[in-house]
Amino acid sequence: MPLRLDSADTDFEQRFSDLLAGKREASQEVGDVVAGIIADVRKRGDEAVVELTNRFDKADVSAQTLRFTPEEIAAASARVTPEVRAALQTAHDRIKAHHEKQKPVDHVYTDDIGVTLGSRWTAVDAVGIYVPGGLASYPSSVLMNAVPAHVAGVKRIAMVVPTPNGHYSPAILAAAEIAGVTEIYRIGGAQAVAALAYGTATIPRVDKVVGPGNAYVAAAKRQVFGQVGIDMIAGPSEVLVIADGSANPAWVAADLIAQAEHGGGAQSILVTTDPGLADAVAAEVDRQLSLLPKQSIAREGWEEFGAIITVDSLDIATELANRIASEHVELAVDDPQSLVPAIRHAGAIFLGHHTPEAIGDYVGGSNHVLPTARSARFASGLGVLDFVKRTSILGCTPSSLSALADAAVTIAEVEALDGHGRSISIRLNR
């Protein structure tokens, strides 16, 4: 059964701390296995990628067939129904429009002593996107990763997607085509991350790897960081719903179930000021789970990781929200805007009764690649800024250099870096 807590209980703090400390990620130790895979790919390149892909995915690929051909992409895209293509296009257009507003602007100015200062933004040259594949089809992940990269001005966007038993979703390739992905490879797992990070004869290296994956993919991204940039280490998905008596228990239950059906440790938490709503939601989750075509995964997630917390006030609810620092926070109250300033740690906030988290997964326009496992305390969701970097600009005139020289030389002397000081004073004949 899901955990039931009440902030008024004497043991609440201990039980809530235990909830925060609970481990939801895969417990299997994968680091050593992933390190071996990365070393193999670095050493043998395509040969290792092909061998590992055929072993793990039960595929039948060669170096010559690792990359989808334009004809294969076009044929797969043609198999997508007009309804699906229209939905993908709608999602693409909304995501693009929103992310266009995130583009940073160069800023250069001259201060009062004549020093030129500023920043210039330039896009990453090449990005690798990891997309889960096989029986799981997530074309929305293609759009959420590729569109902001394209908006940022990334010229080369390479996508990897596993094709177990040769199976792949036409919608995945259609989404890639719509989003401007320039190349697609039928590989997954740690070997795909290693190939993107270090390059092979067939797969040129990239500068940054983004996108969700299983424990092996997460471990591989962690290990190649520094060789390439990464977006984040994605953990199991999570939602926190803050609700009062105005919330519809059926709607809240549906949102909790939607998150639980991700499986793999996904967590759904309700924090409410209304004990009656808490009971009604618990009963409604049970009822709706029985109607779900694939209820086993969602039921297991809800019973193992779900929680319903009753609190005395919305102020306490927002305090708990900041401690949980959830990937998604839904505000199922009549005046959601009044709570927003109090929530400092959240990957994304969803406002009011008519904004289910699932709309953000697909067509809302905001990005669904968000910090998990309490990392919203220090991290942000994926956006255009993840695909650009800032270069500082600095320029001195003779007079402004002279005005700054004494302080700079003094600091150089304090740090015992005489060459630094000399490189300044030599320009002033000192």
Protein backbone atom coordinates (compact mmCIF):
# COMPACT_ATOMS: atom_id res chain seq x y z
CA MET A 1 0.00 0.00 0.00
CA PRO A 2 1.15 3.59 -0.57
CA LEU A 3 2.58 5.40 2.42
CA ARG A 4 0.13 7.52 4.46
CA LEU A 5 1.58 10.40 6.49
CA ASP A 6 0.11 13.23 8.54
CA SER A 7 2.24 16.26 9.40
CA ALA A 8 0.53 16.39 12.82
CA ASP A 9 1.81 12.97 13.85
CA THR A 10 4.67 12.88 16.34
CA ASP A 11 6.74 10.56 14.14
CA PHE A 12 6.08 12.55 10.94
CA GLU A 13 9.55 14.04 10.61
CA GLN A 14 11.29 10.67 10.82
CA ARG A 15 8.89 8.98 8.41
CA PHE A 16 9.07 11.89 5.95
CA SER A 17 12.88 11.83 6.09
CA ASP A 18 12.76 8.09 5.38
CA LEU A 19 10.57 8.83 2.35
CA LEU A 20 13.12 11.33 1.03
CA ALA A 21 15.97 8.90 1.62
CA GLY A 22 14.27 5.97 -0.09
CA LYS A 23 16.23 4.58 -3.02
CA ARG A 24 14.19 4.19 -6.20
CA GLU A 25 16.94 3.71 -8.75
CA ALA A 26 18.15 0.33 -9.92
CA SER A 27 20.23 -1.29 -7.21
CA GLN A 28 22.29 -3.37 -9.59
CA GLU A 29 25.91 -2.33 -9.67
CA VAL A 30 26.53 -1.40 -13.29
CA GLY A 31 29.52 0.91 -13.11
CA ASP A 32 32.17 -1.76 -13.74
CA VAL A 33 30.22 -3.26 -16.62
CA VAL A 34 29.78 0.15 -18.23
CA ALA A 35 33.46 1.01 -17.78
CA GLY A 36 34.36 -2.17 -19.64
CA ILE A 37 31.97 -1.35 -22.47
CA ILE A 38 33.33 2.17 -22.85
CA ALA A 39 36.92 0.91 -22.88
CA ASP A 40 36.00 -1.68 -25.52
CA VAL A 41 34.36 0.90 -27.77
CA ARG A 42 37.33 3.23 -27.42
CA LYS A 43 39.68 0.42 -28.40
CA ARG A 44 37.75 -1.39 -31.14
CA GLY A 45 35.30 1.24 -32.38
CA ASP A 46 32.68 -0.02 -34.82
CA GLU A 47 33.64 -3.63 -34.20
CA ALA A 48 32.80 -3.34 -30.50
CA VAL A 49 29.62 -1.34 -31.14
CA VAL A 50 28.34 -3.94 -33.62
CA GLU A 51 29.24 -6.89 -31.40
CA LEU A 52 27.66 -5.39 -28.28
CA THR A 53 24.54 -4.27 -30.13
CA ASN A 54 23.97 -7.70 -31.63
CA ARG A 55 24.52 -9.33 -28.23
CA PHE A 56 22.38 -7.07 -26.06
CA ASP A 57 19.65 -6.14 -28.54
CA LYS A 58 19.53 -9.48 -30.36
CA ALA A 59 19.99 -7.43 -33.50
CA ASP A 60 21.71 -8.21 -36.78
CA VAL A 61 23.65 -5.09 -37.68
CA SER A 62 27.00 -4.45 -39.28
CA ALA A 63 29.13 -1.33 -39.51
CA GLN A 64 27.47 -0.67 -42.86
CA THR A 65 23.94 -0.83 -41.42
CA LEU A 66 24.42 1.02 -38.13
CA ARG A 67 23.05 4.20 -39.66
CA PHE A 68 19.49 4.46 -40.95
CA THR A 69 19.49 5.40 -44.61
CA PRO A 70 17.43 8.34 -45.88
CA GLU A 71 15.25 5.79 -47.69
CA GLU A 72 14.58 3.87 -44.46
CA ILE A 73 13.70 7.07 -42.63
CA ALA A 74 11.35 8.19 -45.41
CA ALA A 75 9.68 4.77 -45.57
CA ALA A 76 9.17 4.63 -41.81
CA SER A 77 7.85 8.17 -41.73
CA ALA A 78 5.37 7.30 -44.48
CA ARG A 79 3.92 4.54 -42.29
CA VAL A 80 2.86 7.04 -39.64
CA THR A 81 -0.84 7.89 -39.79
CA PRO A 82 -1.87 11.45 -40.69
CA GLU A 83 -3.33 11.83 -37.19
CA VAL A 84 -0.03 10.93 -35.52
CA ARG A 85 1.96 13.13 -37.89
CA ALA A 86 -0.34 16.08 -37.19
CA ALA A 87 0.02 15.54 -33.43
CA LEU A 88 3.81 15.40 -33.70
CA GLN A 89 3.82 18.55 -35.82
CA THR A 90 1.63 20.35 -33.27
CA ALA A 91 3.96 19.31 -30.47
CA HIS A 92 7.02 20.35 -32.50
CA ASP A 93 5.61 23.76 -33.33
CA ARG A 94 4.63 24.53 -29.73
CA ILE A 95 7.97 23.33 -28.31
CA LYS A 96 9.84 25.37 -30.91
CA ALA A 97 7.81 28.52 -30.27
CA HIS A 98 8.40 28.33 -26.53
CA HIS A 99 12.12 27.56 -26.82
CA GLU A 100 12.67 30.38 -29.32
CA LYS A 101 11.93 32.72 -26.41
CA GLN A 102 14.82 31.19 -24.43
CA LYS A 103 17.54 32.24 -26.88
CA PRO A 104 20.12 34.39 -25.10
CA VAL A 105 21.30 37.70 -26.55
CA ASP A 106 24.91 38.86 -26.87
CA HIS A 107 25.64 41.81 -24.63
CA VAL A 108 28.69 44.09 -24.95
CA TYR A 109 29.19 47.44 -23.22
CA THR A 110 31.91 49.91 -22.26
CA ASP A 111 32.18 50.88 -18.61
CA ASP A 112 32.99 54.29 -17.17
CA ILE A 113 36.80 53.91 -17.44
CA GLY A 114 36.70 52.65 -21.02
CA VAL A 115 36.90 48.85 -20.51
CA THR A 116 34.87 46.82 -22.98
CA LEU A 117 33.01 43.93 -21.32
CA GLY A 118 30.42 41.49 -22.50
CA SER A 119 29.31 38.02 -23.41
CA ARG A 120 28.87 36.22 -26.71
CA TRP A 121 26.76 33.08 -27.11
CA THR A 122 27.60 30.34 -29.61
CA ALA A 123 26.00 26.95 -30.23
CA VAL A 124 27.61 23.61 -29.57
CA ASP A 125 28.84 22.13 -32.88
CA ALA A 126 27.47 18.58 -32.52
CA VAL A 127 24.98 16.96 -30.14
CA GLY A 128 24.10 13.31 -29.60
CA ILE A 129 20.54 12.48 -28.54
CA TYR A 130 19.75 9.19 -26.79
CA VAL A 131 16.16 8.02 -27.32
CA PRO A 132 14.73 4.87 -25.72
CA GLY A 133 13.52 2.46 -28.39
CA GLY A 134 12.24 -1.00 -29.11
CA LEU A 135 8.86 -1.78 -27.59
CA ALA A 136 8.89 1.59 -25.81
CA SER A 137 8.13 4.32 -28.30
CA TYR A 138 8.77 7.88 -27.12
CA PRO A 139 8.66 10.26 -30.09
CA SER A 140 8.04 13.06 -27.59
CA SER A 141 11.57 12.51 -26.25
CA VAL A 142 12.94 13.06 -29.75
CA LEU A 143 11.18 16.41 -29.98
CA MET A 144 12.06 17.55 -26.45
CA ASN A 145 15.76 16.92 -27.02
CA ALA A 146 16.18 17.84 -30.68
CA VAL A 147 14.01 20.97 -30.94
CA PRO A 148 15.91 23.12 -28.40
CA ALA A 149 19.20 21.99 -29.96
CA HIS A 150 17.94 23.04 -33.37
CA VAL A 151 16.65 26.36 -32.02
CA ALA A 152 20.05 26.98 -30.40
CA GLY A 153 21.73 26.61 -33.79
CA VAL A 154 23.38 23.21 -33.40
CA LYS A 155 24.41 22.15 -36.91
CA ARG A 156 24.79 18.41 -36.36
CA ILE A 157 22.22 16.48 -34.32
CA ALA A 158 22.93 12.73 -34.18
CA MET A 159 20.36 10.39 -32.66
CA VAL A 160 20.83 6.87 -31.31
CA VAL A 161 17.91 4.55 -30.69
CA PRO A 162 18.07 0.85 -29.82
CA THR A 163 16.22 -1.57 -32.12
CA PRO A 164 15.87 -4.84 -30.17
CA ASN A 165 15.16 -7.76 -32.50
CA GLY A 166 15.27 -5.20 -35.30
CA HIS A 167 12.12 -3.50 -34.06
CA TYR A 168 11.74 0.27 -34.13
CA SER A 169 8.86 2.70 -34.02
CA PRO A 170 8.08 4.60 -37.23
CA ALA A 171 6.88 7.49 -35.04
CA ILE A 172 10.39 7.83 -33.61
CA LEU A 173 11.88 8.33 -37.06
CA ALA A 174 9.03 10.62 -38.12
CA ALA A 175 9.62 12.81 -35.07
CA ALA A 176 13.35 12.93 -35.84
CA GLU A 177 12.62 13.99 -39.40
CA ILE A 178 10.24 16.73 -38.21
CA ALA A 179 12.74 17.97 -35.61
CA GLY A 180 15.70 18.28 -37.98
CA VAL A 181 17.83 15.38 -36.73
CA THR A 182 20.67 14.97 -39.22
CA GLU A 183 21.64 11.33 -38.61
CA ILE A 184 20.13 8.32 -36.84
CA TYR A 185 21.88 5.15 -35.62
CA ARG A 186 20.22 1.89 -34.58
CA ILE A 187 22.18 1.39 -31.37
CA GLY A 188 21.50 1.86 -27.68
CA GLY A 189 22.92 1.19 -24.24
CA ALA A 190 26.32 2.19 -22.90
CA GLN A 191 27.95 1.38 -26.25
CA ALA A 192 25.86 4.07 -27.95
CA VAL A 193 26.89 6.69 -25.39
CA ALA A 194 30.54 5.65 -25.75
CA ALA A 195 30.35 5.84 -29.56
CA LEU A 196 28.88 9.35 -29.41
CA ALA A 197 31.46 10.50 -26.87
CA TYR A 198 34.62 9.04 -28.43
CA GLY A 199 33.61 8.46 -32.04
CA THR A 200 34.11 5.48 -34.33
CA ALA A 201 34.82 5.14 -38.04
CA THR A 202 31.07 5.24 -38.71
CA ILE A 203 29.87 7.54 -35.92
CA PRO A 204 31.74 10.86 -35.60
CA ARG A 205 32.09 12.08 -32.02
CA VAL A 206 29.82 14.78 -30.63
CA ASP A 207 30.36 17.53 -28.08
CA LYS A 208 27.39 16.83 -25.83
CA VAL A 209 25.15 13.83 -25.10
CA VAL A 210 21.57 14.34 -23.91
CA GLY A 211 18.51 12.21 -23.36
CA PRO A 212 17.10 9.63 -20.91
CA GLY A 213 17.94 5.95 -20.66
CA ASN A 214 18.23 2.99 -18.30
CA ALA A 215 20.78 2.51 -15.52
CA TYR A 216 23.49 1.56 -18.01
CA VAL A 217 22.90 4.66 -20.10
CA ALA A 218 22.92 6.85 -16.98
CA ALA A 219 26.18 5.28 -15.79
CA ALA A 220 27.74 5.72 -19.23
CA LYS A 221 26.80 9.41 -19.34
CA ARG A 222 28.32 9.87 -15.91
CA GLN A 223 31.56 8.20 -17.00
CA VAL A 224 32.01 10.07 -20.29
CA PHE A 225 31.32 13.48 -18.74
CA GLY A 226 34.40 15.61 -19.28
CA GLN A 227 35.10 14.01 -22.63
CA VAL A 228 31.74 15.44 -23.65
CA GLY A 229 29.10 17.49 -21.91
CA ILE A 230 25.87 15.88 -20.69
CA ASP A 231 22.48 17.27 -19.79
CA MET A 232 21.83 15.44 -16.50
CA ILE A 233 21.75 11.98 -14.95
CA ALA A 234 18.08 11.09 -15.29
CA GLY A 235 16.52 9.00 -12.54
CA PRO A 236 13.01 7.57 -12.17
CA SER A 237 10.21 9.99 -12.99
CA GLU A 238 8.18 11.64 -10.22
CA VAL A 239 5.20 13.88 -9.56
CA LEU A 240 4.06 15.81 -6.49
CA VAL A 241 0.46 17.02 -6.42
CA ILE A 242 -0.43 19.75 -3.93
CA ALA A 243 -4.22 19.82 -3.52
CA ASP A 244 -6.86 21.36 -1.32
CA GLY A 245 -10.57 20.70 -0.98
CA SER A 246 -11.27 22.29 -4.36
CA ALA A 247 -9.50 19.48 -6.23
CA ASN A 248 -11.35 16.75 -8.10
CA PRO A 249 -10.23 13.41 -6.59
CA ALA A 250 -10.69 11.56 -9.89
CA TRP A 251 -8.45 14.02 -11.70
CA VAL A 252 -5.78 13.90 -9.00
CA ALA A 253 -5.87 10.10 -8.99
CA ALA A 254 -5.49 10.01 -12.77
CA ASP A 255 -2.38 12.22 -12.54
CA LEU A 256 -0.82 10.05 -9.84
CA ILE A 257 -1.44 6.93 -11.94
CA ALA A 258 -0.05 8.58 -15.07
CA GLN A 259 3.30 9.02 -13.34
CA ALA A 260 3.30 5.58 -11.71
CA GLU A 261 2.84 3.85 -15.07
CA HIS A 262 6.34 4.91 -16.11
CA GLY A 263 7.61 2.09 -13.90
CA GLY A 264 11.27 1.72 -13.00
CA GLY A 265 10.86 3.39 -9.61
CA ALA A 266 8.57 6.23 -10.71
CA GLN A 267 7.01 7.98 -7.74
CA SER A 268 3.66 9.73 -7.18
CA ILE A 269 3.02 11.82 -4.07
CA LEU A 270 -0.10 13.72 -2.99
CA VAL A 271 0.15 16.45 -0.35
CA THR A 272 -3.27 17.76 0.69
CA THR A 273 -4.87 19.94 3.33
CA ASP A 274 -8.10 17.94 3.10
CA PRO A 275 -8.26 14.52 4.83
CA GLY A 276 -11.46 13.74 2.97
CA LEU A 277 -9.74 14.36 -0.36
CA ALA A 278 -6.87 12.10 0.72
CA ASP A 279 -9.27 9.22 1.34
CA ALA A 280 -11.21 9.91 -1.85
CA VAL A 281 -8.04 9.97 -3.96
CA ALA A 282 -6.80 6.72 -2.44
CA ALA A 283 -10.08 5.02 -3.30
CA GLU A 284 -10.15 6.57 -6.77
CA VAL A 285 -6.60 5.40 -7.56
CA ASP A 286 -7.68 1.85 -6.70
CA ARG A 287 -10.76 2.14 -8.91
CA GLN A 288 -8.93 3.65 -11.89
CA LEU A 289 -6.05 1.18 -11.68
CA SER A 290 -8.51 -1.66 -12.16
CA LEU A 291 -9.61 -0.04 -15.43
CA LEU A 292 -6.10 0.50 -16.81
CA PRO A 293 -5.22 -1.90 -19.68
CA LYS A 294 -1.65 -2.30 -18.35
CA GLN A 295 -2.29 -1.86 -14.66
CA SER A 296 0.47 -4.05 -13.19
CA ILE A 297 3.32 -1.57 -13.66
CA ALA A 298 1.31 1.41 -12.40
CA ARG A 299 -0.12 -0.55 -9.47
CA GLU A 300 3.30 -1.78 -8.42
CA GLY A 301 4.75 1.73 -8.64
CA TRP A 302 1.88 3.25 -6.65
CA GLU A 303 1.94 0.63 -3.92
CA GLU A 304 5.72 0.58 -3.56
CA PHE A 305 6.63 4.24 -3.99
CA GLY A 306 3.39 6.22 -3.73
CA ALA A 307 2.54 8.45 -0.78
CA ILE A 308 -0.37 10.51 0.50
CA ILE A 309 0.54 13.22 3.01
CA THR A 310 -2.03 15.22 4.96
CA VAL A 311 -0.97 18.67 6.20
CA ASP A 312 -2.60 21.46 8.16
CA SER A 313 -1.97 24.25 5.65
CA LEU A 314 -0.78 25.03 2.14
CA ASP A 315 2.22 26.77 3.71
CA ILE A 316 3.33 23.43 5.12
CA ALA A 317 2.60 21.81 1.74
CA THR A 318 4.96 24.18 -0.06
CA GLU A 319 7.65 23.68 2.60
CA LEU A 320 7.46 19.92 2.00
CA ALA A 321 7.49 20.51 -1.75
CA ASN A 322 10.82 22.32 -1.45
CA ARG A 323 12.27 19.44 0.56
CA ILE A 324 11.03 16.89 -1.95
CA ALA A 325 12.24 19.03 -4.90
CA SER A 326 10.14 17.01 -7.31
CA GLU A 327 10.57 16.75 -11.05
CA HIS A 328 6.92 17.76 -11.54
CA VAL A 329 4.77 19.76 -9.12
CA GLU A 330 1.04 20.10 -9.81
CA LEU A 331 -0.89 22.81 -7.97
CA ALA A 332 -4.44 21.45 -7.83
CA VAL A 333 -5.89 24.49 -6.08
CA ASP A 334 -8.18 27.33 -7.16
CA ASP A 335 -5.44 29.98 -6.95
CA PRO A 336 -2.23 28.25 -8.06
CA GLN A 337 -0.38 31.50 -8.78
CA SER A 338 -0.45 32.37 -5.10
CA LEU A 339 1.66 29.29 -4.30
CA VAL A 340 4.25 29.67 -7.06
CA PRO A 341 6.52 32.16 -5.22
CA ALA A 342 6.83 29.75 -2.29
CA ILE A 343 8.04 26.84 -4.42
CA ARG A 344 11.77 27.24 -4.98
CA HIS A 345 12.74 23.69 -5.93
CA ALA A 346 10.84 22.01 -8.77
CA GLY A 347 11.67 20.88 -12.28
CA ALA A 348 8.34 22.21 -13.59
CA ILE A 349 5.19 23.63 -12.00
CA PHE A 350 1.74 22.93 -13.44
CA LEU A 351 -0.90 25.52 -12.64
CA GLY A 352 -4.43 24.68 -11.58
CA HIS A 353 -7.01 21.98 -12.04
CA HIS A 354 -6.87 21.95 -15.84
CA THR A 355 -3.10 21.49 -16.25
CA PRO A 356 -2.24 17.81 -15.92
CA GLU A 357 1.46 17.00 -15.99
CA ALA A 358 0.86 14.84 -19.06
CA ILE A 359 0.07 17.90 -21.18
CA GLY A 360 3.61 19.07 -20.47
CA ASP A 361 4.93 15.70 -21.57
CA TYR A 362 3.62 16.24 -25.07
CA VAL A 363 2.19 19.46 -26.41
CA GLY A 364 2.23 22.16 -23.72
CA GLY A 365 5.44 23.63 -25.14
CA SER A 366 7.68 23.42 -22.06
CA ASN A 367 10.35 20.75 -21.96
CA HIS A 368 9.72 17.40 -20.30
CA VAL A 369 13.42 16.61 -19.74
CA LEU A 370 13.62 17.67 -16.09
CA PRO A 371 15.79 17.14 -12.99
CA THR A 372 14.86 14.11 -10.87
CA ALA A 373 15.90 12.59 -7.54
CA ARG A 374 15.79 15.97 -5.71
CA SER A 375 18.29 17.51 -8.15
CA ALA A 376 15.79 20.32 -8.81
CA ARG A 377 17.49 21.88 -5.75
CA PHE A 378 20.37 22.83 -8.06
CA ALA A 379 19.45 21.90 -11.63
CA SER A 380 17.06 23.03 -14.36
CA GLY A 381 15.12 21.33 -17.12
CA LEU A 382 16.53 21.00 -20.63
CA GLY A 383 16.40 24.13 -22.75
CA VAL A 384 18.18 26.20 -25.35
CA LEU A 385 20.86 27.24 -22.85
CA ASP A 386 21.99 23.60 -22.65
CA PHE A 387 23.09 23.76 -26.28
CA VAL A 388 25.00 27.04 -26.23
CA LYS A 389 27.99 28.32 -24.32
CA ARG A 390 28.95 31.79 -23.20
CA THR A 391 32.26 33.39 -24.14
CA SER A 392 33.39 36.41 -22.14
CA ILE A 393 34.66 39.49 -23.97
CA LEU A 394 37.12 41.94 -22.45
CA GLY A 395 38.99 44.85 -24.01
CA CYS A 396 41.18 47.58 -22.50
CA THR A 397 42.39 50.86 -23.94
CA PRO A 398 45.78 52.24 -22.86
CA SER A 399 44.10 54.54 -20.36
CA SER A 400 41.79 51.90 -18.89
CA LEU A 401 44.67 49.43 -18.59
CA SER A 402 46.63 52.10 -16.73
CA ALA A 403 43.70 52.70 -14.40
CA LEU A 404 43.50 49.00 -13.48
CA ALA A 405 47.19 48.12 -13.50
CA ASP A 406 48.15 48.93 -9.91
CA ALA A 407 45.43 46.73 -8.39
CA ALA A 408 46.14 43.89 -10.82
CA VAL A 409 49.91 43.96 -10.20
CA THR A 410 49.34 44.02 -6.45
CA ILE A 411 47.17 40.90 -6.61
CA ALA A 412 49.77 39.19 -8.82
CA GLU A 413 52.44 39.93 -6.21
CA VAL A 414 50.23 38.54 -3.43
CA GLU A 415 49.86 35.34 -5.45
CA ALA A 416 53.62 35.22 -6.19
CA LEU A 417 52.94 35.24 -9.93
CA ASP A 418 55.50 37.82 -11.01
CA GLY A 419 55.06 36.99 -14.69
CA HIS A 420 51.42 37.97 -14.46
CA GLY A 421 52.32 41.36 -13.05
CA ARG A 422 55.06 41.90 -15.62
CA SER A 423 52.70 41.13 -18.52
CA ILE A 424 50.63 44.11 -17.33
CA SER A 425 53.36 46.56 -16.36
CA ILE A 426 55.43 45.99 -19.53
CA ARG A 427 52.62 47.54 -21.56
CA LEU A 428 52.85 50.70 -19.47
CA ASN A 429 56.65 50.99 -19.48
CA ARG A 430 56.76 50.44 -15.74
